[in-house]
Amino acid sequence: MASVTLYLVRHGQTYFNIYNKLQGWSNSPLTDKGLADAKSAGERLANVSFAAAYCSDTTRAQQTAATILTENNVSNVKQPISSPFFREQFYGSFEGENMNYVWDQVGRPHGLNGFKEIEEKYSIAKAKDLMKEADPFHDAESNDEYWQRIDRGFDLIRENDDLSDGDNVLVISHGNTLLSLMERYGGGKYDLSVRPENGSVTRLALDDQKITVLGYNEK
């Protein structure tokens, strides 16, 4: 496959974002600000020619993608390809719960309070494994389960025979996924204690062999 540039946009603000709830695979509508986040991202990317567009099959991602493509002046892409491969981390039985409460439950057996302490002592990757351990049903995705799914999303893009070297691809993504990508590919250059903003743009170079970070949380 040729090398392409991925424009990963975090979806617009949702009601679960306001309520500080874990969303994961759950659906929560965009707020008025969320719609404005998507429109603003679309305006900033209006003159970027996209050869393809992808998003998770959650409504917040689909609505953000549709808004961005509507604002675009130079692309022929009208509909994104929706796939569960691009979903946020699955939080199992913690879906919809208060974020601070859940991470306290996850960290407490290890003498840690909250996500920040877990990330500082271990990593975002380890936090996924600890959440699976803490989930009474153990349905939350482990780090390995998470990356097996996310990597299939990148492979889906790689397998698109309509893409050519130098093409741009729009991908609507999620907050924890963007943090996870920065931990895995960012080379320690980015502050993982700060969540990317709704509507922000993260750029990655994707080819057959590797993923390279070009920019993170850009507004």
C-alpha atoms as a PDB file:
ATOM      1  CA  MET A   1       0.000   0.000   0.000  1.00  0.00           C
ATOM      2  CA  ALA A   2       1.046   3.583  -0.616  1.00  0.00           C
ATOM      3  CA  SER A   3       1.656   6.009   2.238  1.00  0.00           C
ATOM      4  CA  VAL A   4      -1.409   8.057   3.191  1.00  0.00           C
ATOM      5  CA  THR A   5      -2.062  10.799   5.725  1.00  0.00           C
ATOM      6  CA  LEU A   6      -4.806  10.115   8.246  1.00  0.00           C
ATOM      7  CA  TYR A   7      -6.706  13.057   9.685  1.00  0.00           C
ATOM      8  CA  LEU A   8      -8.141  11.710  12.943  1.00  0.00           C
ATOM      9  CA  VAL A   9     -10.803  14.019  14.363  1.00  0.00           C
ATOM     10  CA  ARG A  10     -12.189  13.487  17.842  1.00  0.00           C
ATOM     11  CA  HIS A  11     -15.996  13.522  17.651  1.00  0.00           C
ATOM     12  CA  GLY A  12     -17.918  16.568  18.868  1.00  0.00           C
ATOM     13  CA  GLN A  13     -18.938  16.972  22.493  1.00  0.00           C
ATOM     14  CA  THR A  14     -21.693  14.628  23.724  1.00  0.00           C
ATOM     15  CA  TYR A  15     -23.953  14.658  26.754  1.00  0.00           C
ATOM     16  CA  PHE A  16     -21.894  11.862  28.294  1.00  0.00           C
ATOM     17  CA  ASN A  17     -18.833  14.122  27.933  1.00  0.00           C
ATOM     18  CA  ILE A  18     -20.636  16.817  29.940  1.00  0.00           C
ATOM     19  CA  TYR A  19     -21.759  14.307  32.568  1.00  0.00           C
ATOM     20  CA  ASN A  20     -18.214  12.828  32.808  1.00  0.00           C
ATOM     21  CA  LYS A  21     -19.480   9.362  31.928  1.00  0.00           C
ATOM     22  CA  LEU A  22     -17.569   6.583  30.188  1.00  0.00           C
ATOM     23  CA  GLN A  23     -19.026   6.173  26.690  1.00  0.00           C
ATOM     24  CA  GLY A  24     -17.068   3.397  25.057  1.00  0.00           C
ATOM     25  CA  TRP A  25     -19.415   1.529  22.760  1.00  0.00           C
ATOM     26  CA  SER A  26     -22.509   3.334  24.110  1.00  0.00           C
ATOM     27  CA  ASN A  27     -24.297   6.047  22.165  1.00  0.00           C
ATOM     28  CA  SER A  28     -24.787   9.575  23.466  1.00  0.00           C
ATOM     29  CA  PRO A  29     -26.090  12.447  21.310  1.00  0.00           C
ATOM     30  CA  LEU A  30     -23.961  15.416  20.301  1.00  0.00           C
ATOM     31  CA  THR A  31     -24.742  18.586  22.232  1.00  0.00           C
ATOM     32  CA  ASP A  32     -25.168  21.954  20.522  1.00  0.00           C
ATOM     33  CA  LYS A  33     -21.505  22.551  21.281  1.00  0.00           C
ATOM     34  CA  GLY A  34     -20.749  19.118  19.836  1.00  0.00           C
ATOM     35  CA  LEU A  35     -22.428  20.061  16.580  1.00  0.00           C
ATOM     36  CA  ALA A  36     -20.390  23.277  16.597  1.00  0.00           C
ATOM     37  CA  ASP A  37     -17.205  21.262  17.280  1.00  0.00           C
ATOM     38  CA  ALA A  38     -17.885  19.147  14.200  1.00  0.00           C
ATOM     39  CA  LYS A  39     -18.710  22.192  12.054  1.00  0.00           C
ATOM     40  CA  SER A  40     -15.555  23.972  13.200  1.00  0.00           C
ATOM     41  CA  ALA A  41     -13.440  20.937  12.340  1.00  0.00           C
ATOM     42  CA  GLY A  42     -15.140  20.774   8.957  1.00  0.00           C
ATOM     43  CA  GLU A  43     -14.382  24.416   8.278  1.00  0.00           C
ATOM     44  CA  ARG A  44     -10.713  23.950   9.210  1.00  0.00           C
ATOM     45  CA  LEU A  45     -10.498  20.902   6.909  1.00  0.00           C
ATOM     46  CA  ALA A  46     -12.685  22.352   4.155  1.00  0.00           C
ATOM     47  CA  ASN A  47      -9.834  22.525   1.645  1.00  0.00           C
ATOM     48  CA  VAL A  48      -8.252  19.145   2.443  1.00  0.00           C
ATOM     49  CA  SER A  49      -9.053  16.700  -0.338  1.00  0.00           C
ATOM     50  CA  PHE A  50     -10.040  13.376   1.207  1.00  0.00           C
ATOM     51  CA  ALA A  51      -9.868  10.212  -0.895  1.00  0.00           C
ATOM     52  CA  ALA A  52     -11.822   8.217   1.721  1.00  0.00           C
ATOM     53  CA  ALA A  53     -13.480   8.632   5.119  1.00  0.00           C
ATOM     54  CA  TYR A  54     -13.945   6.207   8.012  1.00  0.00           C
ATOM     55  CA  CYS A  55     -15.618   6.345  11.402  1.00  0.00           C
ATOM     56  CA  SER A  56     -16.815   4.090  14.174  1.00  0.00           C
ATOM     57  CA  ASP A  57     -20.415   2.902  13.990  1.00  0.00           C
ATOM     58  CA  THR A  58     -21.423   5.082  16.950  1.00  0.00           C
ATOM     59  CA  THR A  59     -23.843   7.922  16.278  1.00  0.00           C
ATOM     60  CA  ARG A  60     -21.480  10.582  17.640  1.00  0.00           C
ATOM     61  CA  ALA A  61     -18.781   9.559  15.175  1.00  0.00           C
ATOM     62  CA  GLN A  62     -21.163   9.201  12.232  1.00  0.00           C
ATOM     63  CA  GLN A  63     -22.741  12.603  12.860  1.00  0.00           C
ATOM     64  CA  THR A  64     -19.346  14.259  13.203  1.00  0.00           C
ATOM     65  CA  ALA A  65     -18.155  12.652   9.961  1.00  0.00           C
ATOM     66  CA  ALA A  66     -21.263  13.733   8.056  1.00  0.00           C
ATOM     67  CA  THR A  67     -20.882  17.314   9.256  1.00  0.00           C
ATOM     68  CA  ILE A  68     -17.199  17.496   8.290  1.00  0.00           C
ATOM     69  CA  LEU A  69     -17.837  16.059   4.827  1.00  0.00           C
ATOM     70  CA  THR A  70     -20.712  18.503   4.274  1.00  0.00           C
ATOM     71  CA  GLU A  71     -18.351  21.407   5.001  1.00  0.00           C
ATOM     72  CA  ASN A  72     -15.668  20.069   2.655  1.00  0.00           C
ATOM     73  CA  ASN A  73     -15.198  21.942  -0.619  1.00  0.00           C
ATOM     74  CA  VAL A  74     -12.786  19.694  -2.490  1.00  0.00           C
ATOM     75  CA  SER A  75     -13.600  16.037  -1.761  1.00  0.00           C
ATOM     76  CA  ASN A  76     -15.827  13.677  -3.696  1.00  0.00           C
ATOM     77  CA  VAL A  77     -16.402  11.531  -0.597  1.00  0.00           C
ATOM     78  CA  LYS A  78     -19.971  11.938   0.626  1.00  0.00           C
ATOM     79  CA  GLN A  79     -20.382   9.035   3.059  1.00  0.00           C
ATOM     80  CA  PRO A  80     -17.903   7.600   5.575  1.00  0.00           C
ATOM     81  CA  ILE A  81     -17.277   3.874   5.904  1.00  0.00           C
ATOM     82  CA  SER A  82     -18.573   2.945   9.368  1.00  0.00           C
ATOM     83  CA  SER A  83     -16.946   0.060  11.208  1.00  0.00           C
ATOM     84  CA  PRO A  84     -16.853  -1.295  14.779  1.00  0.00           C
ATOM     85  CA  PHE A  85     -13.070  -1.541  14.336  1.00  0.00           C
ATOM     86  CA  PHE A  86     -12.877   2.226  14.958  1.00  0.00           C
ATOM     87  CA  ARG A  87     -14.945   2.233  18.153  1.00  0.00           C
ATOM     88  CA  GLU A  88     -13.653   3.558  21.458  1.00  0.00           C
ATOM     89  CA  GLN A  89     -12.375   1.121  24.084  1.00  0.00           C
ATOM     90  CA  PHE A  90     -15.166  -1.112  25.422  1.00  0.00           C
ATOM     91  CA  TYR A  91     -15.613  -0.525  29.152  1.00  0.00           C
ATOM     92  CA  GLY A  92     -17.779  -3.572  29.816  1.00  0.00           C
ATOM     93  CA  SER A  93     -20.134  -3.222  32.780  1.00  0.00           C
ATOM     94  CA  PHE A  94     -18.629   0.203  33.535  1.00  0.00           C
ATOM     95  CA  GLU A  95     -20.215   1.703  30.401  1.00  0.00           C
ATOM     96  CA  GLY A  96     -22.224   4.811  31.278  1.00  0.00           C
ATOM     97  CA  GLU A  97     -20.779   5.108  34.802  1.00  0.00           C
ATOM     98  CA  ASN A  98     -19.096   8.226  36.200  1.00  0.00           C
ATOM     99  CA  MET A  99     -15.527   8.288  34.941  1.00  0.00           C
ATOM    100  CA  ASN A 100     -13.895   9.305  38.230  1.00  0.00           C
ATOM    101  CA  TYR A 101     -15.825   6.681  40.203  1.00  0.00           C
ATOM    102  CA  VAL A 102     -14.861   3.898  37.794  1.00  0.00           C
ATOM    103  CA  TRP A 103     -11.148   4.700  37.703  1.00  0.00           C
ATOM    104  CA  ASP A 104     -11.119   4.867  41.503  1.00  0.00           C
ATOM    105  CA  GLN A 105     -12.636   1.369  41.558  1.00  0.00           C
ATOM    106  CA  VAL A 106     -10.052   0.169  39.057  1.00  0.00           C
ATOM    107  CA  GLY A 107      -7.104   1.710  40.875  1.00  0.00           C
ATOM    108  CA  ARG A 108      -8.020   1.089  44.524  1.00  0.00           C
ATOM    109  CA  PRO A 109      -6.939  -2.602  44.663  1.00  0.00           C
ATOM    110  CA  HIS A 110      -3.494  -1.387  43.554  1.00  0.00           C
ATOM    111  CA  GLY A 111      -3.273   1.539  45.978  1.00  0.00           C
ATOM    112  CA  LEU A 112      -4.001   4.094  43.265  1.00  0.00           C
ATOM    113  CA  ASN A 113      -6.614   6.838  43.014  1.00  0.00           C
ATOM    114  CA  GLY A 114      -7.939   7.576  39.563  1.00  0.00           C
ATOM    115  CA  PHE A 115      -6.780   7.293  35.986  1.00  0.00           C
ATOM    116  CA  LYS A 116      -3.937   9.801  36.310  1.00  0.00           C
ATOM    117  CA  GLU A 117      -2.189   7.794  39.030  1.00  0.00           C
ATOM    118  CA  ILE A 118      -2.695   4.557  37.074  1.00  0.00           C
ATOM    119  CA  GLU A 119      -1.241   6.112  33.923  1.00  0.00           C
ATOM    120  CA  GLU A 120       1.687   7.667  35.807  1.00  0.00           C
ATOM    121  CA  LYS A 121       2.643   4.459  37.624  1.00  0.00           C
ATOM    122  CA  TYR A 122       1.912   2.060  34.765  1.00  0.00           C
ATOM    123  CA  SER A 123       0.514   3.130  31.386  1.00  0.00           C
ATOM    124  CA  ILE A 124      -2.724   3.576  29.466  1.00  0.00           C
ATOM    125  CA  ALA A 125      -2.172   0.063  28.157  1.00  0.00           C
ATOM    126  CA  LYS A 126      -1.979  -1.327  31.698  1.00  0.00           C
ATOM    127  CA  ALA A 127      -5.088   0.682  32.656  1.00  0.00           C
ATOM    128  CA  LYS A 128      -7.071  -1.349  30.119  1.00  0.00           C
ATOM    129  CA  ASP A 129      -5.933  -4.611  31.678  1.00  0.00           C
ATOM    130  CA  LEU A 130      -6.709  -3.349  35.191  1.00  0.00           C
ATOM    131  CA  MET A 131     -10.198  -2.318  34.079  1.00  0.00           C
ATOM    132  CA  LYS A 132     -10.865  -5.783  32.653  1.00  0.00           C
ATOM    133  CA  GLU A 133      -9.693  -7.235  35.960  1.00  0.00           C
ATOM    134  CA  ALA A 134     -11.977  -4.880  37.951  1.00  0.00           C
ATOM    135  CA  ASP A 135     -15.055  -5.388  35.739  1.00  0.00           C
ATOM    136  CA  PRO A 136     -17.254  -7.940  37.578  1.00  0.00           C
ATOM    137  CA  PHE A 137     -18.155  -9.485  34.202  1.00  0.00           C
ATOM    138  CA  HIS A 138     -14.622  -9.113  32.775  1.00  0.00           C
ATOM    139  CA  ASP A 139     -16.182  -7.855  29.533  1.00  0.00           C
ATOM    140  CA  ALA A 140     -14.079  -4.683  29.356  1.00  0.00           C
ATOM    141  CA  GLU A 141     -11.445  -4.929  26.632  1.00  0.00           C
ATOM    142  CA  SER A 142      -7.939  -5.879  27.661  1.00  0.00           C
ATOM    143  CA  ASN A 143      -5.076  -4.058  25.996  1.00  0.00           C
ATOM    144  CA  ASP A 144      -4.479  -6.973  23.607  1.00  0.00           C
ATOM    145  CA  GLU A 145      -8.168  -7.259  22.709  1.00  0.00           C
ATOM    146  CA  TYR A 146      -8.354  -3.525  22.133  1.00  0.00           C
ATOM    147  CA  TRP A 147      -5.362  -3.364  19.791  1.00  0.00           C
ATOM    148  CA  GLN A 148      -6.386  -6.452  17.840  1.00  0.00           C
ATOM    149  CA  ARG A 149      -9.598  -4.603  16.974  1.00  0.00           C
ATOM    150  CA  ILE A 150      -8.037  -1.181  16.346  1.00  0.00           C
ATOM    151  CA  ASP A 151      -5.305  -2.712  14.151  1.00  0.00           C
ATOM    152  CA  ARG A 152      -8.032  -4.296  12.025  1.00  0.00           C
ATOM    153  CA  GLY A 153      -9.327  -0.769  11.444  1.00  0.00           C
ATOM    154  CA  PHE A 154      -5.945   0.365  10.151  1.00  0.00           C
ATOM    155  CA  ASP A 155      -5.780  -2.763   7.997  1.00  0.00           C
ATOM    156  CA  LEU A 156      -9.187  -1.878   6.573  1.00  0.00           C
ATOM    157  CA  ILE A 157      -7.680   1.385   5.335  1.00  0.00           C
ATOM    158  CA  ARG A 158      -4.560  -0.371   4.051  1.00  0.00           C
ATOM    159  CA  GLU A 159      -6.756  -2.768   2.061  1.00  0.00           C
ATOM    160  CA  ASN A 160      -8.539   0.066   0.218  1.00  0.00           C
ATOM    161  CA  ASP A 161      -7.280  -0.382  -3.352  1.00  0.00           C
ATOM    162  CA  ASP A 162      -8.693   3.002  -4.364  1.00  0.00           C
ATOM    163  CA  LEU A 163      -6.110   4.842  -2.254  1.00  0.00           C
ATOM    164  CA  SER A 164      -2.951   6.178  -3.858  1.00  0.00           C
ATOM    165  CA  ASP A 165       0.357   7.407  -2.505  1.00  0.00           C
ATOM    166  CA  GLY A 166      -0.050  10.813  -0.844  1.00  0.00           C
ATOM    167  CA  ASP A 167      -3.832  10.587  -0.385  1.00  0.00           C
ATOM    168  CA  ASN A 168      -5.575  12.045   2.648  1.00  0.00           C
ATOM    169  CA  VAL A 169      -8.046   9.967   4.666  1.00  0.00           C
ATOM    170  CA  LEU A 170     -10.538  11.280   7.225  1.00  0.00           C
ATOM    171  CA  VAL A 171     -11.047   9.126  10.347  1.00  0.00           C
ATOM    172  CA  ILE A 172     -13.436  10.104  13.138  1.00  0.00           C
ATOM    173  CA  SER A 173     -11.976   8.873  16.400  1.00  0.00           C
ATOM    174  CA  HIS A 174     -12.415   8.954  20.190  1.00  0.00           C
ATOM    175  CA  GLY A 175     -10.607  10.484  23.157  1.00  0.00           C
ATOM    176  CA  ASN A 176      -9.086   7.425  24.791  1.00  0.00           C
ATOM    177  CA  THR A 177      -8.226   5.955  21.403  1.00  0.00           C
ATOM    178  CA  LEU A 178      -6.242   9.066  20.501  1.00  0.00           C
ATOM    179  CA  LEU A 179      -4.413   8.919  23.845  1.00  0.00           C
ATOM    180  CA  SER A 180      -3.694   5.226  23.263  1.00  0.00           C
ATOM    181  CA  LEU A 181      -2.306   5.984  19.807  1.00  0.00           C
ATOM    182  CA  MET A 182      -0.033   8.680  21.234  1.00  0.00           C
ATOM    183  CA  GLU A 183       1.235   6.286  23.905  1.00  0.00           C
ATOM    184  CA  ARG A 184       1.960   3.616  21.311  1.00  0.00           C
ATOM    185  CA  TYR A 185       3.346   5.770  18.484  1.00  0.00           C
ATOM    186  CA  GLY A 186       4.142   9.205  19.951  1.00  0.00           C
ATOM    187  CA  GLY A 187       7.594   8.373  21.278  1.00  0.00           C
ATOM    188  CA  GLY A 188       6.917  10.001  24.655  1.00  0.00           C
ATOM    189  CA  LYS A 189       6.530  13.459  23.104  1.00  0.00           C
ATOM    190  CA  TYR A 190       2.944  14.100  24.210  1.00  0.00           C
ATOM    191  CA  ASP A 191       1.282  14.829  27.551  1.00  0.00           C
ATOM    192  CA  LEU A 192      -1.054  11.881  28.057  1.00  0.00           C
ATOM    193  CA  SER A 193      -2.628  13.445  31.155  1.00  0.00           C
ATOM    194  CA  VAL A 194      -4.492  15.926  28.913  1.00  0.00           C
ATOM    195  CA  ARG A 195      -7.371  14.558  26.870  1.00  0.00           C
ATOM    196  CA  PRO A 196      -7.601  15.698  23.239  1.00  0.00           C
ATOM    197  CA  GLU A 197     -10.280  18.295  22.619  1.00  0.00           C
ATOM    198  CA  ASN A 198     -13.564  17.499  20.909  1.00  0.00           C
ATOM    199  CA  GLY A 199     -13.166  18.435  17.249  1.00  0.00           C
ATOM    200  CA  SER A 200      -9.362  18.432  17.440  1.00  0.00           C
ATOM    201  CA  VAL A 201      -7.266  16.969  14.625  1.00  0.00           C
ATOM    202  CA  THR A 202      -4.495  14.391  14.986  1.00  0.00           C
ATOM    203  CA  ARG A 203      -2.477  13.522  11.879  1.00  0.00           C
ATOM    204  CA  LEU A 204      -0.793  10.169  11.261  1.00  0.00           C
ATOM    205  CA  ALA A 205       1.237   8.833   8.344  1.00  0.00           C
ATOM    206  CA  LEU A 206       0.134   5.272   7.536  1.00  0.00           C
ATOM    207  CA  ASP A 207       1.856   2.781   5.252  1.00  0.00           C
ATOM    208  CA  ASP A 208       2.256  -0.991   5.090  1.00  0.00           C
ATOM    209  CA  GLN A 209       4.938  -1.102   7.757  1.00  0.00           C
ATOM    210  CA  LYS A 210       4.346   1.616  10.315  1.00  0.00           C
ATOM    211  CA  ILE A 211       2.376   4.508  11.759  1.00  0.00           C
ATOM    212  CA  THR A 212       4.084   7.855  12.356  1.00  0.00           C
ATOM    213  CA  VAL A 213       2.614  10.769  14.336  1.00  0.00           C
ATOM    214  CA  LEU A 214       2.629  14.038  12.372  1.00  0.00           C
ATOM    215  CA  GLY A 215       0.590  16.168  14.764  1.00  0.00           C
ATOM    216  CA  TYR A 216      -1.627  15.763  17.826  1.00  0.00           C
ATOM    217  CA  ASN A 217      -4.682  17.547  19.267  1.00  0.00           C
ATOM    218  CA  GLU A 218      -4.521  20.392  16.750  1.00  0.00           C
ATOM    219  CA  LYS A 219      -7.238  23.055  16.728  1.00  0.00           C
END
